[in-house]
Amino acid sequence: MTEHSPNEETGHLGRLFVISAPSGAGKTTLAHSLMRKHPDLQISVSHTTRSPRPGDKDGIDYHFVDNPTFDAMIESGDFLEWAHVHQNRYGTSHKEVNRLLAAGANVLFDVDYQGGIAILKAHPEAISVFILPPSYAELETRIRRRGTDSAEIIEKRLSIAKHEMQQYGHYKYTIVNDHLEEAIATLNGIYVAHQHLTESMHGRARAVLGSVPATS
């Protein structure tokens, strides 16, 4: 198990929290909802070679880089994981993760299953959640309704999704995102429960024990 830095205020160890899903299952919506509830949770901003979509902010949504830069980062061993996803490449840098852990943060990864499995191999102690749609037909409806991709890209996403949906078995938890509010509550429950593992509570426990009067 990897040693992470304790948060000075809470005594919690920084933990890794991995969320993956097929395109259109709602993982980013769920991830952002979880972050709004828990300011201590910091997202690991990935590097990508894809072009920004309307509303995307560099350094906030992704670090947008060109292919030569991405190639150089691979060559230098800068990535904890990287993968080809829908004709683009995405990667999680060691520098980004170490920066967050050094601050005692809990680190959220919003990544595809390839990235998630790679992170879990390097950090088997990570909390991992896979998001499934209620059905393939509903997934198709969601992807087509977004209106952000060409017809060709949509068809590729749908084809790949059939394989992606089968990867849930690599993850510790699975949530079927049928009703959004229920899925949010379930994800929040998983996150909160892991903040109260004994190994995460040493700082608070020591404070409680320190309040016990000394015996005469």
C-alpha atoms as a PDB file:
ATOM      1  CA  MET A   1       0.000   0.000   0.000  1.00  0.00           C
ATOM      2  CA  THR A   2       1.307   3.443  -0.937  1.00  0.00           C
ATOM      3  CA  GLU A   3       2.011   5.878   1.888  1.00  0.00           C
ATOM      4  CA  HIS A   4       0.173   9.175   1.363  1.00  0.00           C
ATOM      5  CA  SER A   5       0.594  12.464   3.181  1.00  0.00           C
ATOM      6  CA  PRO A   6      -1.789  13.177   6.077  1.00  0.00           C
ATOM      7  CA  ASN A   7      -3.979  16.257   5.959  1.00  0.00           C
ATOM      8  CA  GLU A   8      -2.716  18.483   8.809  1.00  0.00           C
ATOM      9  CA  GLU A   9      -6.208  19.621   9.818  1.00  0.00           C
ATOM     10  CA  THR A  10      -8.083  16.326   9.780  1.00  0.00           C
ATOM     11  CA  GLY A  11      -5.311  13.781  10.118  1.00  0.00           C
ATOM     12  CA  HIS A  12      -6.746  11.949   7.088  1.00  0.00           C
ATOM     13  CA  LEU A  13      -4.402  10.308   4.654  1.00  0.00           C
ATOM     14  CA  GLY A  14      -4.695  11.524   1.077  1.00  0.00           C
ATOM     15  CA  ARG A  15      -6.606   8.856  -0.848  1.00  0.00           C
ATOM     16  CA  LEU A  16      -7.080   8.124  -4.538  1.00  0.00           C
ATOM     17  CA  PHE A  17     -10.664   7.939  -5.799  1.00  0.00           C
ATOM     18  CA  VAL A  18     -11.099   6.574  -9.349  1.00  0.00           C
ATOM     19  CA  ILE A  19     -14.326   6.957 -11.339  1.00  0.00           C
ATOM     20  CA  SER A  20     -14.691   5.381 -14.795  1.00  0.00           C
ATOM     21  CA  ALA A  21     -17.567   4.760 -17.198  1.00  0.00           C
ATOM     22  CA  PRO A  22     -18.410   4.389 -20.856  1.00  0.00           C
ATOM     23  CA  SER A  23     -18.940   7.664 -22.692  1.00  0.00           C
ATOM     24  CA  GLY A  24     -22.378   9.067 -21.896  1.00  0.00           C
ATOM     25  CA  ALA A  25     -22.936   7.220 -18.610  1.00  0.00           C
ATOM     26  CA  GLY A  26     -22.633  10.427 -16.581  1.00  0.00           C
ATOM     27  CA  LYS A  27     -19.348  10.033 -14.706  1.00  0.00           C
ATOM     28  CA  THR A  28     -18.269  13.654 -15.119  1.00  0.00           C
ATOM     29  CA  THR A  29     -21.621  14.932 -13.827  1.00  0.00           C
ATOM     30  CA  LEU A  30     -21.311  12.612 -10.839  1.00  0.00           C
ATOM     31  CA  ALA A  31     -17.673  13.545 -10.233  1.00  0.00           C
ATOM     32  CA  HIS A  32     -18.429  17.279 -10.230  1.00  0.00           C
ATOM     33  CA  SER A  33     -21.356  16.741  -7.874  1.00  0.00           C
ATOM     34  CA  LEU A  34     -19.097  14.883  -5.453  1.00  0.00           C
ATOM     35  CA  MET A  35     -16.507  17.650  -5.578  1.00  0.00           C
ATOM     36  CA  ARG A  36     -19.122  20.288  -4.770  1.00  0.00           C
ATOM     37  CA  LYS A  37     -20.052  18.330  -1.623  1.00  0.00           C
ATOM     38  CA  HIS A  38     -16.439  17.760  -0.534  1.00  0.00           C
ATOM     39  CA  PRO A  39     -13.974  20.655  -0.908  1.00  0.00           C
ATOM     40  CA  ASP A  40     -11.185  18.367   0.333  1.00  0.00           C
ATOM     41  CA  LEU A  41     -11.524  16.339  -2.881  1.00  0.00           C
ATOM     42  CA  GLN A  42      -9.299  17.628  -5.675  1.00  0.00           C
ATOM     43  CA  ILE A  43      -9.568  16.434  -9.265  1.00  0.00           C
ATOM     44  CA  SER A  44      -6.464  15.303 -11.100  1.00  0.00           C
ATOM     45  CA  VAL A  45      -6.462  17.354 -14.315  1.00  0.00           C
ATOM     46  CA  SER A  46      -5.454  15.129 -17.219  1.00  0.00           C
ATOM     47  CA  HIS A  47      -3.391  16.037 -20.259  1.00  0.00           C
ATOM     48  CA  THR A  48      -5.071  15.483 -23.614  1.00  0.00           C
ATOM     49  CA  THR A  49      -4.369  15.896 -27.307  1.00  0.00           C
ATOM     50  CA  ARG A  50      -8.023  16.533 -28.168  1.00  0.00           C
ATOM     51  CA  SER A  51      -9.203  20.011 -29.070  1.00  0.00           C
ATOM     52  CA  PRO A  52     -11.097  22.024 -26.437  1.00  0.00           C
ATOM     53  CA  ARG A  53     -14.880  21.910 -26.645  1.00  0.00           C
ATOM     54  CA  PRO A  54     -16.988  25.039 -26.118  1.00  0.00           C
ATOM     55  CA  GLY A  55     -16.665  26.021 -22.461  1.00  0.00           C
ATOM     56  CA  ASP A  56     -13.526  23.949 -21.806  1.00  0.00           C
ATOM     57  CA  LYS A  57     -10.823  25.772 -19.860  1.00  0.00           C
ATOM     58  CA  ASP A  58      -7.163  24.844 -20.141  1.00  0.00           C
ATOM     59  CA  GLY A  59      -5.762  23.777 -16.782  1.00  0.00           C
ATOM     60  CA  ILE A  60      -9.264  23.407 -15.337  1.00  0.00           C
ATOM     61  CA  ASP A  61     -10.972  20.771 -17.498  1.00  0.00           C
ATOM     62  CA  TYR A  62      -7.791  19.435 -19.119  1.00  0.00           C
ATOM     63  CA  HIS A  63      -4.238  20.415 -19.905  1.00  0.00           C
ATOM     64  CA  PHE A  64      -4.570  20.708 -23.689  1.00  0.00           C
ATOM     65  CA  VAL A  65      -1.298  19.801 -25.439  1.00  0.00           C
ATOM     66  CA  ASP A  66      -0.227  18.944 -28.983  1.00  0.00           C
ATOM     67  CA  ASN A  67       0.976  15.512 -30.072  1.00  0.00           C
ATOM     68  CA  PRO A  68       4.725  16.316 -29.938  1.00  0.00           C
ATOM     69  CA  THR A  69       4.351  17.527 -26.344  1.00  0.00           C
ATOM     70  CA  PHE A  70       2.407  14.412 -25.388  1.00  0.00           C
ATOM     71  CA  ASP A  71       5.049  12.222 -27.070  1.00  0.00           C
ATOM     72  CA  ALA A  72       7.796  13.994 -25.118  1.00  0.00           C
ATOM     73  CA  MET A  73       5.946  13.415 -21.841  1.00  0.00           C
ATOM     74  CA  ILE A  74       5.636   9.704 -22.616  1.00  0.00           C
ATOM     75  CA  GLU A  75       9.336   9.520 -23.440  1.00  0.00           C
ATOM     76  CA  SER A  76      10.214  11.245 -20.166  1.00  0.00           C
ATOM     77  CA  GLY A  77       8.056   8.885 -18.115  1.00  0.00           C
ATOM     78  CA  ASP A  78       5.848  11.756 -16.942  1.00  0.00           C
ATOM     79  CA  PHE A  79       2.591   9.784 -16.938  1.00  0.00           C
ATOM     80  CA  LEU A  80       1.146   7.565 -14.232  1.00  0.00           C
ATOM     81  CA  GLU A  81      -1.159   6.316 -17.002  1.00  0.00           C
ATOM     82  CA  TRP A  82      -2.113   7.275 -20.520  1.00  0.00           C
ATOM     83  CA  ALA A  83      -4.340   5.818 -23.208  1.00  0.00           C
ATOM     84  CA  HIS A  84      -5.874   6.298 -26.643  1.00  0.00           C
ATOM     85  CA  VAL A  85      -9.547   7.213 -26.280  1.00  0.00           C
ATOM     86  CA  HIS A  86     -11.738   8.057 -29.286  1.00  0.00           C
ATOM     87  CA  GLN A  87      -8.805   9.000 -31.554  1.00  0.00           C
ATOM     88  CA  ASN A  88      -7.190  11.221 -28.938  1.00  0.00           C
ATOM     89  CA  ARG A  89      -4.795  10.580 -26.082  1.00  0.00           C
ATOM     90  CA  TYR A  90      -5.298  11.268 -22.397  1.00  0.00           C
ATOM     91  CA  GLY A  91      -2.784  10.978 -19.570  1.00  0.00           C
ATOM     92  CA  THR A  92      -2.416  11.518 -15.824  1.00  0.00           C
ATOM     93  CA  SER A  93       0.915  13.027 -14.840  1.00  0.00           C
ATOM     94  CA  HIS A  94       2.884  11.911 -11.788  1.00  0.00           C
ATOM     95  CA  LYS A  95       3.602  15.579 -11.065  1.00  0.00           C
ATOM     96  CA  GLU A  96      -0.092  16.471 -10.810  1.00  0.00           C
ATOM     97  CA  VAL A  97      -0.918  13.555  -8.501  1.00  0.00           C
ATOM     98  CA  ASN A  98       2.119  14.064  -6.266  1.00  0.00           C
ATOM     99  CA  ARG A  99       1.343  17.785  -5.936  1.00  0.00           C
ATOM    100  CA  LEU A 100      -2.147  17.045  -4.648  1.00  0.00           C
ATOM    101  CA  LEU A 101      -1.084  14.221  -2.338  1.00  0.00           C
ATOM    102  CA  ALA A 102       1.714  16.376  -0.899  1.00  0.00           C
ATOM    103  CA  ALA A 103      -0.973  18.842   0.165  1.00  0.00           C
ATOM    104  CA  GLY A 104      -2.868  16.029   1.928  1.00  0.00           C
ATOM    105  CA  ALA A 105      -5.742  16.167  -0.564  1.00  0.00           C
ATOM    106  CA  ASN A 106      -7.936  13.294  -1.622  1.00  0.00           C
ATOM    107  CA  VAL A 107      -7.446  12.958  -5.378  1.00  0.00           C
ATOM    108  CA  LEU A 108     -10.266  12.257  -7.826  1.00  0.00           C
ATOM    109  CA  PHE A 109      -9.597  10.649 -11.218  1.00  0.00           C
ATOM    110  CA  ASP A 110     -12.321  11.039 -13.847  1.00  0.00           C
ATOM    111  CA  VAL A 111     -10.834   8.629 -16.398  1.00  0.00           C
ATOM    112  CA  ASP A 112     -11.787   5.941 -18.918  1.00  0.00           C
ATOM    113  CA  TYR A 113     -11.404   2.292 -17.950  1.00  0.00           C
ATOM    114  CA  GLN A 114      -7.916   1.993 -19.492  1.00  0.00           C
ATOM    115  CA  GLY A 115      -6.653   4.799 -17.291  1.00  0.00           C
ATOM    116  CA  GLY A 116      -8.562   3.487 -14.294  1.00  0.00           C
ATOM    117  CA  ILE A 117      -7.084  -0.010 -14.561  1.00  0.00           C
ATOM    118  CA  ALA A 118      -3.575   1.431 -14.957  1.00  0.00           C
ATOM    119  CA  ILE A 119      -4.027   3.572 -11.825  1.00  0.00           C
ATOM    120  CA  LEU A 120      -5.344   0.586  -9.869  1.00  0.00           C
ATOM    121  CA  LYS A 121      -2.303  -1.492 -10.864  1.00  0.00           C
ATOM    122  CA  ALA A 122       0.001   1.234  -9.549  1.00  0.00           C
ATOM    123  CA  HIS A 123      -2.206   2.040  -6.534  1.00  0.00           C
ATOM    124  CA  PRO A 124      -4.285  -1.018  -5.576  1.00  0.00           C
ATOM    125  CA  GLU A 125      -5.405   0.794  -2.411  1.00  0.00           C
ATOM    126  CA  ALA A 126      -7.365   3.332  -4.492  1.00  0.00           C
ATOM    127  CA  ILE A 127     -11.140   3.496  -4.136  1.00  0.00           C
ATOM    128  CA  SER A 128     -12.643   2.604  -7.517  1.00  0.00           C
ATOM    129  CA  VAL A 129     -16.173   3.127  -8.854  1.00  0.00           C
ATOM    130  CA  PHE A 130     -17.563   2.191 -12.261  1.00  0.00           C
ATOM    131  CA  ILE A 131     -20.655   3.955 -13.592  1.00  0.00           C
ATOM    132  CA  LEU A 132     -23.029   2.018 -15.835  1.00  0.00           C
ATOM    133  CA  PRO A 133     -26.009   3.401 -17.772  1.00  0.00           C
ATOM    134  CA  PRO A 134     -29.400   1.772 -17.113  1.00  0.00           C
ATOM    135  CA  SER A 135     -29.282   0.275 -20.615  1.00  0.00           C
ATOM    136  CA  TYR A 136     -27.398   0.500 -23.890  1.00  0.00           C
ATOM    137  CA  ALA A 137     -30.437   2.166 -25.505  1.00  0.00           C
ATOM    138  CA  GLU A 138     -30.414   4.891 -22.856  1.00  0.00           C
ATOM    139  CA  LEU A 139     -26.668   5.374 -23.339  1.00  0.00           C
ATOM    140  CA  GLU A 140     -27.224   5.836 -27.059  1.00  0.00           C
ATOM    141  CA  THR A 141     -29.942   8.404 -26.400  1.00  0.00           C
ATOM    142  CA  ARG A 142     -27.686  10.384 -24.064  1.00  0.00           C
ATOM    143  CA  ILE A 143     -24.743  10.413 -26.471  1.00  0.00           C
ATOM    144  CA  ARG A 144     -26.875  11.515 -29.429  1.00  0.00           C
ATOM    145  CA  ARG A 145     -28.670  14.140 -27.338  1.00  0.00           C
ATOM    146  CA  ARG A 146     -25.401  15.865 -26.323  1.00  0.00           C
ATOM    147  CA  GLY A 147     -24.904  17.204 -29.835  1.00  0.00           C
ATOM    148  CA  THR A 148     -21.185  17.834 -29.334  1.00  0.00           C
ATOM    149  CA  ASP A 149     -19.817  15.245 -31.769  1.00  0.00           C
ATOM    150  CA  SER A 150     -20.109  14.417 -35.451  1.00  0.00           C
ATOM    151  CA  ALA A 151     -22.209  11.445 -36.594  1.00  0.00           C
ATOM    152  CA  GLU A 152     -18.995   9.496 -37.267  1.00  0.00           C
ATOM    153  CA  ILE A 153     -17.642  10.110 -33.762  1.00  0.00           C
ATOM    154  CA  ILE A 154     -21.000   9.201 -32.213  1.00  0.00           C
ATOM    155  CA  GLU A 155     -21.025   5.845 -34.001  1.00  0.00           C
ATOM    156  CA  LYS A 156     -17.466   5.128 -32.822  1.00  0.00           C
ATOM    157  CA  ARG A 157     -18.354   6.044 -29.246  1.00  0.00           C
ATOM    158  CA  LEU A 158     -21.349   3.717 -29.315  1.00  0.00           C
ATOM    159  CA  SER A 159     -19.310   0.867 -30.759  1.00  0.00           C
ATOM    160  CA  ILE A 160     -16.559   1.279 -28.150  1.00  0.00           C
ATOM    161  CA  ALA A 161     -19.138   1.609 -25.348  1.00  0.00           C
ATOM    162  CA  LYS A 162     -20.159  -2.021 -25.812  1.00  0.00           C
ATOM    163  CA  HIS A 163     -16.660  -3.065 -24.736  1.00  0.00           C
ATOM    164  CA  GLU A 164     -16.322  -0.363 -22.081  1.00  0.00           C
ATOM    165  CA  MET A 165     -19.489  -1.477 -20.308  1.00  0.00           C
ATOM    166  CA  GLN A 166     -17.966  -4.911 -19.717  1.00  0.00           C
ATOM    167  CA  GLN A 167     -15.071  -3.502 -17.661  1.00  0.00           C
ATOM    168  CA  TYR A 168     -17.024  -2.882 -14.443  1.00  0.00           C
ATOM    169  CA  GLY A 169     -15.575  -6.044 -12.865  1.00  0.00           C
ATOM    170  CA  HIS A 170     -12.177  -4.362 -12.439  1.00  0.00           C
ATOM    171  CA  TYR A 171     -13.691  -1.885  -9.950  1.00  0.00           C
ATOM    172  CA  LYS A 172     -14.575  -2.249  -6.286  1.00  0.00           C
ATOM    173  CA  TYR A 173     -17.970  -0.543  -6.629  1.00  0.00           C
ATOM    174  CA  THR A 174     -20.520  -0.303  -9.460  1.00  0.00           C
ATOM    175  CA  ILE A 175     -23.321   2.262  -9.718  1.00  0.00           C
ATOM    176  CA  VAL A 176     -26.093   2.078 -12.315  1.00  0.00           C
ATOM    177  CA  ASN A 177     -26.878   5.707 -13.163  1.00  0.00           C
ATOM    178  CA  ASP A 178     -30.599   5.299 -13.704  1.00  0.00           C
ATOM    179  CA  HIS A 179     -31.811   8.142 -11.481  1.00  0.00           C
ATOM    180  CA  LEU A 180     -29.208  10.892 -11.134  1.00  0.00           C
ATOM    181  CA  GLU A 181     -30.003  11.954  -7.574  1.00  0.00           C
ATOM    182  CA  GLU A 182     -29.865   8.354  -6.354  1.00  0.00           C
ATOM    183  CA  ALA A 183     -26.552   7.804  -8.140  1.00  0.00           C
ATOM    184  CA  ILE A 184     -25.157  10.992  -6.566  1.00  0.00           C
ATOM    185  CA  ALA A 185     -26.261   9.852  -3.107  1.00  0.00           C
ATOM    186  CA  THR A 186     -24.707   6.409  -3.595  1.00  0.00           C
ATOM    187  CA  LEU A 187     -21.407   7.846  -4.803  1.00  0.00           C
ATOM    188  CA  ASN A 188     -21.359  10.279  -1.896  1.00  0.00           C
ATOM    189  CA  GLY A 189     -22.010   7.433   0.541  1.00  0.00           C
ATOM    190  CA  ILE A 190     -19.068   5.462  -0.820  1.00  0.00           C
ATOM    191  CA  TYR A 191     -16.787   8.482  -0.504  1.00  0.00           C
ATOM    192  CA  VAL A 192     -17.894   9.405   3.016  1.00  0.00           C
ATOM    193  CA  ALA A 193     -17.588   5.833   4.278  1.00  0.00           C
ATOM    194  CA  HIS A 194     -13.969   5.651   3.191  1.00  0.00           C
ATOM    195  CA  GLN A 195     -13.112   8.839   5.053  1.00  0.00           C
ATOM    196  CA  HIS A 196     -13.971   6.957   8.245  1.00  0.00           C
ATOM    197  CA  LEU A 197     -11.757   3.936   7.747  1.00  0.00           C
ATOM    198  CA  THR A 198      -9.655   3.530  10.882  1.00  0.00           C
ATOM    199  CA  GLU A 199      -6.447   4.142   8.938  1.00  0.00           C
ATOM    200  CA  SER A 200      -7.882   7.499   7.862  1.00  0.00           C
ATOM    201  CA  MET A 201      -9.029   8.505  11.349  1.00  0.00           C
ATOM    202  CA  HIS A 202      -5.824   8.332  13.375  1.00  0.00           C
ATOM    203  CA  GLY A 203      -5.539  12.128  13.678  1.00  0.00           C
ATOM    204  CA  ARG A 204      -9.098  12.583  14.947  1.00  0.00           C
ATOM    205  CA  ALA A 205      -8.840   9.528  17.193  1.00  0.00           C
ATOM    206  CA  ARG A 206      -5.644  10.830  18.809  1.00  0.00           C
ATOM    207  CA  ALA A 207      -7.394  14.157  19.485  1.00  0.00           C
ATOM    208  CA  VAL A 208     -10.270  12.331  21.210  1.00  0.00           C
ATOM    209  CA  LEU A 209      -7.891  10.215  23.284  1.00  0.00           C
ATOM    210  CA  GLY A 210      -5.931  13.313  24.191  1.00  0.00           C
ATOM    211  CA  SER A 211      -9.068  14.742  25.823  1.00  0.00           C
ATOM    212  CA  VAL A 212      -9.274  11.866  28.284  1.00  0.00           C
ATOM    213  CA  PRO A 213      -8.208  13.024  31.793  1.00  0.00           C
ATOM    214  CA  ALA A 214      -5.061  11.403  33.080  1.00  0.00           C
ATOM    215  CA  THR A 215      -5.626   8.875  35.844  1.00  0.00           C
ATOM    216  CA  SER A 216      -4.274   9.839  39.235  1.00  0.00           C
END
